[in-house]
Each structure stands twice: as C-alpha cells, then as structure tokens.
Amino acid sequence: MNPRRLSIGVAGLGRAFTLMVPTFVADSRVRLVACADLRASATERFTSEFGARAHGSVEALCGDPDVEVVYIATPHELHAAHAAVAAAHRKHVLVEKPMAITLEQCRSMNEAVGRAGVHMVVGHSHSFDRSVARAREIIAAGTYGTVKMIHAQYYTDFLYRPRRPEELDGGRGGGAVLNQGAHQVDIARLLGGGEVTRVRALTGNWDPARPVEGAYAALLSFANGAFASLVYSGYAHFDGDALCGDVSELGARKDSSSYGTARARLAQCVDANAEAAAKAERNYGGSAQAPAPGASEKGRLHEHFGLVVVCCEHADLRLLPDRIMIFRDTDVEEERLAMPLIPRVEVIDELYAAVVDGIAPLHDGRWGTATLEVCLAMLTSAREGHDITLTEQCAVRDREPV
C-alpha cells in the first residue's frame, strides 16, 4: 500500500531549500506542491520541475488549501512571522535552524502552533545525522555508563561563502554562532541529556571586511554533571573535514584541489550587491547552482559536523560519517553505519511521524528554543565576560504519541 504523502509548500527557495531538494525528491512520503520566493528564476524552475504552483507571498502560500506543511526556509529574522502565518492557517511547520533570532520570537512561535494544534519541527540541524542518532542509542543503552564529557570541533570556509548583507549582521541573525553553533549545540544537547545549566564562551571577529563573529569556543555545563566543549572557525584556513576522512559536511568525498576556492570566488565580488547576486546564483534556480549530493551519488556517506568525541564512564565514542568508533578499556570496536538511501531522511521521519502518526517530535519548538538560548548565551558570555545561567532548557525525551 502506498504511504500517505505530505503536501509541502516551500517558503524561500534559497540555499537551505537547495540542500533539502534531494530529500524531498527521493522520499515518497512527501511531495512539493507550492512555493513562494522573490526570484522569478527560482519559482519558474520550481513550477516546471515539480508540476507545482508559485505564490506571490508567504501569506498566499499558507492560504493554499493543498498545502499541509509549510517548510520555512526564509531569512532567520522572518521565521517567527512566517510560522505565525502558517499556524494561523492550520498548517504544520518545518522551520530551518536557527528557529528564530530571539527567545521572544521562539515563544511566540510556540504559542502560535499550540493555539492552532499543529506540529512544528525545527531542522535540519546535524543532530539529525545518523552517527549522532546512533551514538544517542548507544548512550541510552547504558552499556558504557553515563556521559561525562563531549568535545566537538569544526573548521570550515563558512564566512567566505557569498552572503547577503543580513548574514554579516549579528543583529539580524548573521554570524557563525547562530548559524553554525546551532548545529553543534543541538548535537551536544542531544548526546549530553539536553539540559544545559551554564555557558561560558569566547567569540572571534577578526576580519573587518566580514564584520561578524566567525569563530567561537564554548563550554557548556549540563544538569546531569556532564560538560561539553565546542570549537568552531569559519575563516577558511584549516579544513576540518580532514579529521573526518576527507568527507564533506554533506557526505561527499572531497577533492583536495578545492582548497581555497571559497576565498578565491569571493574575491571576484566587487561589492555587497555583487556578493548577494553571487549567492543568489548559487541557490535554487540560479545559473551557478551546484546540486546537493544525492543518495545515489557514488561513495556518498552520511552528513557530519566535524570531529565529535563523547567520553562515557567506560568508553569513548568517536562519530564519523560512516561509523562509530568505540574505544573501550582494552580494545576498539568499529560499528559501521548502513549507507544512506535518502539524504536527511531523519528529518522526514520526524515530521511524518508527527503529522501522520501523532508522535511528538524531538526537535520541536521547545527544543529549538533551548538550543537558541544556548547560542544567545554564548554571544552574551563572550560580550560580558562571565558565565550565563540558562532557564529555557529541556531534557532529551523519547518520542511518544500526543
């Protein structure tokens, strides 16, 4: 019997949507039926590729009777307003990370979906990755005792990819902490129990031409006694994929000759308008769009977010794109991960279970709020020079019927 298909309307055909296209195409449980975007080149391609329709606004998209789920992939500062519109039309919400840019916005989103009685899933973040999910299963089994320490680090070219002006403005949700920290914080919270009590952090803002935080280091304390250290740099020097078998964040084998290409391409942009145009051309419907690697791509592995090591009482777990390495007292075990049939299928798993089966999502609005609280605390700690105590946290819980 064919499964019920969720009809998805897409708000924003930018980079986030570009990376999710292979998932939407490959998973038979969903279908794309409508979109809203300001770029005609993107909406024309969407309507042609998916036999769908384009709307002139997010409001019109949310009012489309054929849309069951609204995927919000608009700029971060618009997430709250667009989620409110979707909820007002009784649409379920899949919203990109970060959930919003203030805790007040997160609270308003949670209130909106609560009033409407619809589900909200916050993702994609790399806490959906198969290696993270499997590590959580190993931890939950209790074989190696409780988690004591988590270390995550990643080095990328994040800051030198083409950006729109707001992406270089910390006040509008730009910078590495909200954009990339959301991945690492989600991973650490999922593996560490969820409830962060205190945060201490430093940030780096080292390039006057890119005036926003491009690096950070943070220490998270958990209610259960565990702690996590997070390190990230987006300054396009050391490539953190070298610590993950030269596999890219998206799970593709890397070509070593590509080193330095981000800075080289950016140097061709003469001003902010040219840079924004260059980004638009890399997005869905643009002339320079590079498709995200699909599941059928030869040698494709699971997505990852750099080096992650979890220290438990009786073993350390190292997460890799194709396996979990378990360092026990006297030996090392490698647990191989089955290769992905559908990229980011875990996002659809959680969304589908919520909407169709009534299983409360793990990455719901409360979870997304807690992750944003940690990211904002990192910025505040770095600015003010002291620990920040948190109040909006929630524990990792099993998904249950609602």
Protein backbone atom coordinates (compact mmCIF):
# COMPACT_ATOMS: atom_id res chain seq x y z
CA MET A 1 0.00 0.00 0.00
CA ASN A 2 1.33 3.41 -0.92
CA PRO A 3 2.01 5.65 2.10
CA ARG A 4 0.11 8.84 2.65
CA ARG A 5 2.05 11.75 1.15
CA LEU A 6 2.51 15.05 2.95
CA SER A 7 1.94 18.05 0.69
CA ILE A 8 4.64 20.62 1.34
CA GLY A 9 4.71 24.29 0.47
CA VAL A 10 8.14 25.92 0.50
CA ALA A 11 8.66 29.46 1.82
CA GLY A 12 12.05 30.53 0.46
CA LEU A 13 13.97 28.81 -2.34
CA GLY A 14 17.44 29.71 -1.08
CA ARG A 15 20.43 27.66 -0.02
CA ALA A 16 18.59 25.73 2.70
CA PHE A 17 15.98 24.55 0.21
CA THR A 18 18.69 23.70 -2.32
CA LEU A 19 20.23 21.32 0.22
CA MET A 20 16.86 19.73 1.04
CA VAL A 21 15.78 19.14 -2.56
CA PRO A 22 17.37 15.65 -2.80
CA THR A 23 15.44 14.64 0.32
CA PHE A 24 12.11 15.92 -0.93
CA VAL A 25 12.65 14.28 -4.33
CA ALA A 26 13.75 10.89 -3.02
CA ASP A 27 11.28 10.39 -0.16
CA SER A 28 7.93 9.06 -1.37
CA ARG A 29 6.19 10.25 1.80
CA VAL A 30 6.33 13.90 0.72
CA ARG A 31 5.58 15.96 -2.37
CA LEU A 32 6.23 19.58 -3.19
CA VAL A 33 3.05 21.35 -4.25
CA ALA A 34 3.72 25.09 -3.93
CA CYS A 35 6.33 27.75 -3.20
CA ALA A 36 6.86 31.43 -2.52
CA ASP A 37 10.06 33.29 -3.37
CA LEU A 38 11.02 36.71 -4.72
CA ARG A 39 13.23 35.34 -7.51
CA ALA A 40 11.39 34.54 -10.72
CA SER A 41 14.19 32.23 -11.87
CA ALA A 42 13.65 30.08 -8.77
CA THR A 43 9.85 29.96 -8.90
CA GLU A 44 9.85 29.21 -12.62
CA ARG A 45 12.19 26.29 -12.14
CA PHE A 46 10.16 25.05 -9.16
CA THR A 47 6.87 25.05 -11.02
CA SER A 48 8.47 23.33 -14.00
CA GLU A 49 10.43 20.74 -12.02
CA PHE A 50 7.67 19.73 -9.60
CA GLY A 51 4.50 20.50 -11.52
CA ALA A 52 3.61 22.82 -8.66
CA ARG A 53 2.48 26.42 -8.36
CA ALA A 54 4.11 29.59 -7.16
CA HIS A 55 2.55 32.20 -4.90
CA GLY A 56 3.39 35.87 -4.67
CA SER A 57 3.75 35.86 -0.89
CA VAL A 58 4.21 33.57 2.08
CA GLU A 59 0.72 34.57 3.22
CA ALA A 60 -0.76 33.31 -0.05
CA LEU A 61 1.30 30.12 0.19
CA CYS A 62 -0.03 29.43 3.68
CA GLY A 63 -3.57 30.02 2.44
CA ASP A 64 -3.22 27.39 -0.28
CA PRO A 65 -5.71 24.60 0.61
CA ASP A 66 -3.45 21.94 -0.92
CA VAL A 67 -0.54 22.77 1.40
CA GLU A 68 -0.41 20.66 4.57
CA VAL A 69 3.09 21.55 5.80
CA VAL A 70 4.92 24.84 5.31
CA TYR A 71 8.70 24.49 5.10
CA ILE A 72 10.09 27.84 6.28
CA ALA A 73 13.48 28.47 4.71
CA THR A 74 13.32 32.25 4.62
CA PRO A 75 15.92 34.50 6.34
CA HIS A 76 16.21 33.83 10.08
CA GLU A 77 14.68 37.14 11.12
CA LEU A 78 11.45 36.21 9.27
CA HIS A 79 10.94 32.74 10.77
CA ALA A 80 8.68 33.89 13.61
CA ALA A 81 6.35 35.93 11.41
CA HIS A 82 6.09 33.20 8.78
CA ALA A 83 5.50 30.47 11.37
CA ALA A 84 2.69 32.55 12.85
CA VAL A 85 1.04 32.90 9.44
CA ALA A 86 1.36 29.16 8.78
CA ALA A 87 -0.11 28.28 12.16
CA ALA A 88 -2.98 30.73 11.67
CA HIS A 89 -3.87 28.74 8.55
CA ARG A 90 -3.64 25.44 10.49
CA LYS A 91 -0.53 24.31 8.64
CA HIS A 92 2.16 22.20 10.25
CA VAL A 93 5.60 23.83 10.27
CA LEU A 94 9.07 22.62 9.35
CA VAL A 95 11.39 25.54 10.10
CA GLU A 96 15.09 25.81 9.37
CA LYS A 97 17.59 26.38 12.15
CA PRO A 98 18.06 28.61 13.97
CA MET A 99 14.41 28.56 15.00
CA ALA A 100 14.45 32.38 15.31
CA ILE A 101 16.84 35.10 16.45
CA THR A 102 15.34 35.99 19.86
CA LEU A 103 13.76 33.96 22.65
CA GLU A 104 10.69 36.17 22.43
CA GLN A 105 10.23 35.13 18.82
CA CYS A 106 10.58 31.47 19.79
CA ARG A 107 7.95 31.84 22.50
CA SER A 108 5.55 33.49 20.05
CA MET A 109 6.08 30.63 17.58
CA ASN A 110 5.40 28.03 20.25
CA GLU A 111 2.26 29.85 21.32
CA ALA A 112 1.04 30.10 17.72
CA VAL A 113 1.43 26.40 16.91
CA GLY A 114 -0.01 25.50 20.32
CA ARG A 115 -3.15 27.55 19.71
CA ALA A 116 -3.54 26.05 16.26
CA GLY A 117 -2.96 22.48 17.40
CA VAL A 118 -0.32 21.85 14.73
CA HIS A 119 3.17 20.38 14.94
CA MET A 120 6.45 22.24 14.46
CA VAL A 121 9.79 20.55 13.70
CA VAL A 122 13.00 22.60 13.84
CA GLY A 123 15.54 21.37 11.33
CA HIS A 124 17.61 20.48 9.51
CA SER A 125 20.40 20.51 12.07
CA HIS A 126 23.21 17.98 12.23
CA SER A 127 21.75 16.44 15.36
CA PHE A 128 19.55 14.54 12.88
CA ASP A 129 22.68 12.86 11.42
CA ARG A 130 22.73 9.08 11.61
CA SER A 131 26.01 8.95 13.54
CA VAL A 132 24.57 11.26 16.22
CA ALA A 133 21.34 9.26 16.45
CA ARG A 134 23.28 6.00 16.77
CA ALA A 135 25.57 7.45 19.43
CA ARG A 136 22.49 8.51 21.36
CA GLU A 137 21.16 4.94 21.14
CA ILE A 138 24.45 3.57 22.48
CA ILE A 139 24.42 6.08 25.33
CA ALA A 140 20.78 5.33 26.19
CA ALA A 141 21.53 1.60 26.40
CA GLY A 142 23.83 2.34 29.33
CA THR A 143 26.47 -0.21 28.32
CA TYR A 144 29.30 2.28 28.80
CA GLY A 145 27.85 4.25 31.67
CA THR A 146 26.84 7.89 31.69
CA VAL A 147 28.22 10.68 29.53
CA LYS A 148 30.90 12.71 31.26
CA MET A 149 32.34 14.96 28.52
CA ILE A 150 31.65 15.86 24.90
CA HIS A 151 34.11 17.55 22.55
CA ALA A 152 33.09 18.94 19.15
CA GLN A 153 35.21 20.98 16.76
CA TYR A 154 34.92 22.00 13.13
CA TYR A 155 36.82 24.31 10.78
CA THR A 156 35.19 25.45 7.52
CA ASP A 157 35.01 28.24 4.93
CA PHE A 158 31.63 29.40 6.27
CA LEU A 159 32.44 33.10 6.49
CA TYR A 160 33.77 33.33 2.92
CA ARG A 161 30.84 31.83 1.09
CA PRO A 162 28.79 34.52 -0.70
CA ARG A 163 26.47 36.25 1.77
CA ARG A 164 23.55 38.64 1.75
CA PRO A 165 24.09 41.76 3.92
CA GLU A 166 21.96 40.47 6.81
CA GLU A 167 24.10 37.33 7.03
CA LEU A 168 27.03 39.53 8.07
CA ASP A 169 24.93 41.42 10.62
CA GLY A 170 24.81 39.82 14.06
CA GLY A 171 21.72 41.82 14.98
CA ARG A 172 19.80 40.17 12.15
CA GLY A 173 20.87 36.60 12.88
CA GLY A 174 24.15 36.58 10.97
CA GLY A 175 27.45 35.07 12.02
CA ALA A 176 28.82 31.70 12.99
CA VAL A 177 27.23 31.37 16.43
CA LEU A 178 23.57 31.35 15.39
CA ASN A 179 24.14 29.69 12.03
CA GLN A 180 26.75 27.06 12.82
CA GLY A 181 26.58 26.96 16.59
CA ALA A 182 23.00 25.73 16.28
CA HIS A 183 24.38 22.50 14.78
CA GLN A 184 26.99 21.89 17.45
CA VAL A 185 24.72 22.88 20.33
CA ASP A 186 21.97 20.58 19.06
CA ILE A 187 24.45 17.70 18.83
CA ALA A 188 25.89 18.34 22.30
CA ARG A 189 22.45 18.71 23.88
CA LEU A 190 21.17 15.52 22.28
CA LEU A 191 24.17 13.50 23.48
CA GLY A 192 24.54 15.25 26.84
CA GLY A 193 20.97 14.98 28.06
CA GLY A 194 19.56 18.27 26.78
CA GLU A 195 19.57 20.45 29.88
CA VAL A 196 22.40 22.97 29.77
CA THR A 197 22.69 24.95 33.00
CA ARG A 198 25.61 27.33 32.34
CA VAL A 199 27.52 28.64 29.33
CA ARG A 200 30.91 30.34 29.08
CA ALA A 201 32.19 31.38 25.66
CA LEU A 202 34.56 33.49 23.61
CA THR A 203 33.99 34.58 20.02
CA GLY A 204 36.28 35.74 17.22
CA ASN A 205 35.52 38.65 14.91
CA TRP A 206 38.81 39.00 13.09
CA ASP A 207 38.13 40.24 9.55
CA PRO A 208 36.96 43.87 9.21
CA ALA A 209 35.61 43.06 5.75
CA ARG A 210 33.33 40.38 7.30
CA PRO A 211 32.24 42.24 10.50
CA VAL A 212 30.52 39.42 12.36
CA GLU A 213 31.52 36.53 14.59
CA GLY A 214 33.34 33.94 12.51
CA ALA A 215 34.65 31.71 15.29
CA TYR A 216 33.83 30.68 18.84
CA ALA A 217 34.83 28.43 21.71
CA ALA A 218 32.28 27.49 24.35
CA LEU A 219 32.00 25.40 27.49
CA LEU A 220 28.56 24.02 28.37
CA SER A 221 27.65 22.59 31.78
CA PHE A 222 24.76 20.11 31.96
CA ALA A 223 22.34 19.47 34.80
CA ASN A 224 23.47 15.83 34.98
CA GLY A 225 27.10 16.81 35.62
CA ALA A 226 28.38 16.33 32.07
CA PHE A 227 30.11 19.13 30.19
CA ALA A 228 30.85 19.90 26.54
CA SER A 229 33.47 21.96 24.74
CA LEU A 230 32.57 23.40 21.34
CA VAL A 231 35.09 24.93 18.94
CA TYR A 232 34.33 26.35 15.51
CA SER A 233 36.08 28.51 12.94
CA GLY A 234 34.62 29.63 9.64
CA TYR A 235 37.73 31.55 8.49
CA ALA A 236 38.60 29.21 5.61
CA HIS A 237 42.04 28.06 6.66
CA PHE A 238 42.38 24.59 8.23
CA ASP A 239 39.77 22.23 6.74
CA GLY A 240 38.05 20.25 9.48
CA ASP A 241 36.93 17.60 7.01
CA ALA A 242 40.50 16.28 7.19
CA LEU A 243 39.52 14.93 10.63
CA CYS A 244 36.56 13.08 9.09
CA GLY A 245 38.22 11.09 6.32
CA ASP A 246 38.13 13.98 3.83
CA VAL A 247 34.35 13.66 3.64
CA SER A 248 32.44 16.93 3.28
CA GLU A 249 29.74 18.13 5.64
CA LEU A 250 27.17 16.88 3.10
CA GLY A 251 28.69 13.39 2.97
CA ALA A 252 30.57 13.63 -0.35
CA ARG A 253 34.20 12.69 -0.95
CA LYS A 254 36.33 15.83 -1.17
CA ASP A 255 38.79 16.88 -3.84
CA SER A 256 41.91 18.25 -2.15
CA SER A 257 42.42 20.66 -5.05
CA SER A 258 39.31 22.59 -3.97
CA TYR A 259 41.18 24.16 -1.03
CA GLY A 260 40.96 27.95 -1.12
CA THR A 261 38.15 28.18 -3.66
CA ALA A 262 35.76 29.99 -1.31
CA ARG A 263 38.09 32.94 -0.75
CA ALA A 264 39.07 32.99 -4.43
CA ARG A 265 35.45 33.18 -5.60
CA LEU A 266 34.58 35.84 -3.05
CA ALA A 267 37.49 37.99 -4.23
CA GLN A 268 35.71 38.29 -7.60
CA CYS A 269 32.77 40.11 -5.96
CA VAL A 270 33.45 43.84 -6.19
CA ASP A 271 30.82 44.96 -3.63
CA ALA A 272 27.96 43.78 -1.41
CA ASN A 273 25.48 43.81 -4.30
CA ALA A 274 27.74 41.61 -6.40
CA GLU A 275 28.19 39.25 -3.46
CA ALA A 276 24.44 38.97 -2.87
CA ALA A 277 23.96 38.30 -6.58
CA ALA A 278 26.65 35.61 -6.48
CA LYS A 279 24.83 33.93 -3.62
CA ALA A 280 21.53 34.06 -5.49
CA GLU A 281 23.18 32.38 -8.47
CA ARG A 282 24.33 29.51 -6.22
CA ASN A 283 20.82 28.98 -4.87
CA TYR A 284 17.95 27.04 -6.36
CA GLY A 285 17.19 28.28 -9.87
CA GLY A 286 20.48 30.17 -10.16
CA SER A 287 22.91 29.74 -13.03
CA ALA A 288 25.67 28.52 -10.68
CA GLN A 289 23.55 26.19 -8.58
CA ALA A 290 25.56 23.16 -7.51
CA PRO A 291 23.16 20.37 -6.59
CA ALA A 292 23.45 18.82 -3.15
CA PRO A 293 24.83 15.27 -3.36
CA GLY A 294 22.01 12.77 -3.69
CA ALA A 295 21.82 9.36 -2.09
CA SER A 296 22.73 7.68 -5.37
CA GLU A 297 26.00 9.57 -5.72
CA LYS A 298 28.89 7.12 -5.79
CA GLY A 299 30.69 6.92 -2.47
CA ARG A 300 28.23 9.16 -0.63
CA LEU A 301 28.36 8.78 3.16
CA HIS A 302 26.33 10.30 5.96
CA GLU A 303 26.44 14.02 6.69
CA HIS A 304 28.50 15.19 9.65
CA PHE A 305 29.59 18.33 11.51
CA GLY A 306 33.25 17.78 12.17
CA LEU A 307 35.02 15.95 14.97
CA VAL A 308 32.75 14.73 17.77
CA VAL A 309 34.02 12.63 20.69
CA VAL A 310 31.81 11.54 23.59
CA CYS A 311 33.54 10.40 26.78
CA CYS A 312 31.43 7.99 28.81
CA GLU A 313 32.38 6.29 32.08
CA HIS A 314 33.67 3.14 30.38
CA ALA A 315 34.34 4.10 26.77
CA ASP A 316 34.83 6.99 24.36
CA LEU A 317 32.70 7.25 21.22
CA ARG A 318 34.04 8.92 18.09
CA LEU A 319 31.44 9.84 15.48
CA LEU A 320 32.42 9.56 11.80
CA PRO A 321 30.47 9.80 8.51
CA ASP A 322 30.45 6.01 8.05
CA ARG A 323 30.90 4.53 11.52
CA ILE A 324 31.04 4.89 15.28
CA MET A 325 34.39 4.05 16.85
CA ILE A 326 34.09 2.74 20.42
CA PHE A 327 37.28 2.99 22.46
CA ARG A 328 36.83 0.61 25.41
CA ASP A 329 39.20 -0.27 28.23
CA THR A 330 41.18 -2.88 26.31
CA ASP A 331 40.03 -2.78 22.69
CA VAL A 332 38.47 -0.67 19.94
CA GLU A 333 35.28 -1.59 18.08
CA GLU A 334 34.13 -0.05 14.81
CA GLU A 335 30.40 -0.10 14.26
CA ARG A 336 29.67 0.57 10.60
CA LEU A 337 26.65 2.62 9.62
CA ALA A 338 24.48 1.47 6.72
CA MET A 339 24.86 3.86 3.82
CA PRO A 340 22.04 6.39 3.41
CA LEU A 341 19.33 5.61 0.89
CA ILE A 342 17.78 9.07 1.22
CA PRO A 343 19.81 12.07 2.43
CA ARG A 344 18.43 13.69 5.59
CA VAL A 345 15.67 11.10 5.75
CA GLU A 346 15.63 11.53 9.53
CA VAL A 347 14.04 14.96 9.13
CA ILE A 348 11.14 13.47 7.17
CA ASP A 349 10.91 10.57 9.62
CA GLU A 350 10.28 13.00 12.48
CA LEU A 351 7.95 15.27 10.51
CA TYR A 352 5.92 12.38 9.09
CA ALA A 353 5.58 10.65 12.46
CA ALA A 354 4.29 13.88 13.99
CA VAL A 355 1.75 14.77 11.32
CA VAL A 356 0.54 11.29 10.32
CA ASP A 357 1.05 9.20 13.45
CA GLY A 358 0.72 11.85 16.15
CA ILE A 359 4.18 11.15 17.59
CA ALA A 360 5.54 14.27 19.26
CA PRO A 361 8.76 15.37 17.51
CA LEU A 362 12.02 15.52 19.45
CA HIS A 363 13.14 18.67 17.58
CA ASP A 364 10.00 20.60 18.46
CA GLY A 365 9.61 24.25 19.36
CA ARG A 366 10.68 23.75 22.95
CA TRP A 367 13.85 22.01 21.79
CA GLY A 368 14.59 24.72 19.25
CA THR A 369 14.06 27.41 21.88
CA ALA A 370 16.53 25.71 24.24
CA THR A 371 19.15 25.46 21.52
CA LEU A 372 18.76 29.13 20.61
CA GLU A 373 19.03 30.05 24.28
CA VAL A 374 22.46 28.37 24.41
CA CYS A 375 23.61 30.17 21.25
CA LEU A 376 22.46 33.54 22.54
CA ALA A 377 24.14 32.82 25.87
CA MET A 378 27.40 32.17 24.00
CA LEU A 379 27.20 35.64 22.46
CA THR A 380 26.31 37.26 25.77
CA SER A 381 29.06 35.45 27.65
CA ALA A 382 31.65 36.48 25.09
CA ARG A 383 30.47 40.09 25.22
CA GLU A 384 30.19 40.37 29.02
CA GLY A 385 32.98 38.02 30.09
CA HIS A 386 31.16 35.75 32.55
CA ASP A 387 29.08 32.59 32.82
CA ILE A 388 25.44 32.76 31.70
CA THR A 389 22.79 30.76 33.57
CA LEU A 390 20.00 29.27 31.45
CA THR A 391 16.27 28.95 32.14
CA GLU A 392 14.64 27.62 28.94
CA GLN A 393 16.20 24.15 28.77
CA CYS A 394 14.52 20.79 28.28
CA ALA A 395 15.72 17.21 28.65
CA VAL A 396 16.05 14.74 25.80
CA ARG A 397 12.89 12.66 25.80
CA ASP A 398 11.54 9.68 23.96
CA ARG A 399 9.07 10.49 21.23
CA GLU A 400 5.58 9.48 22.34
CA PRO A 401 2.03 9.83 20.99
CA VAL A 402 0.37 13.14 21.81
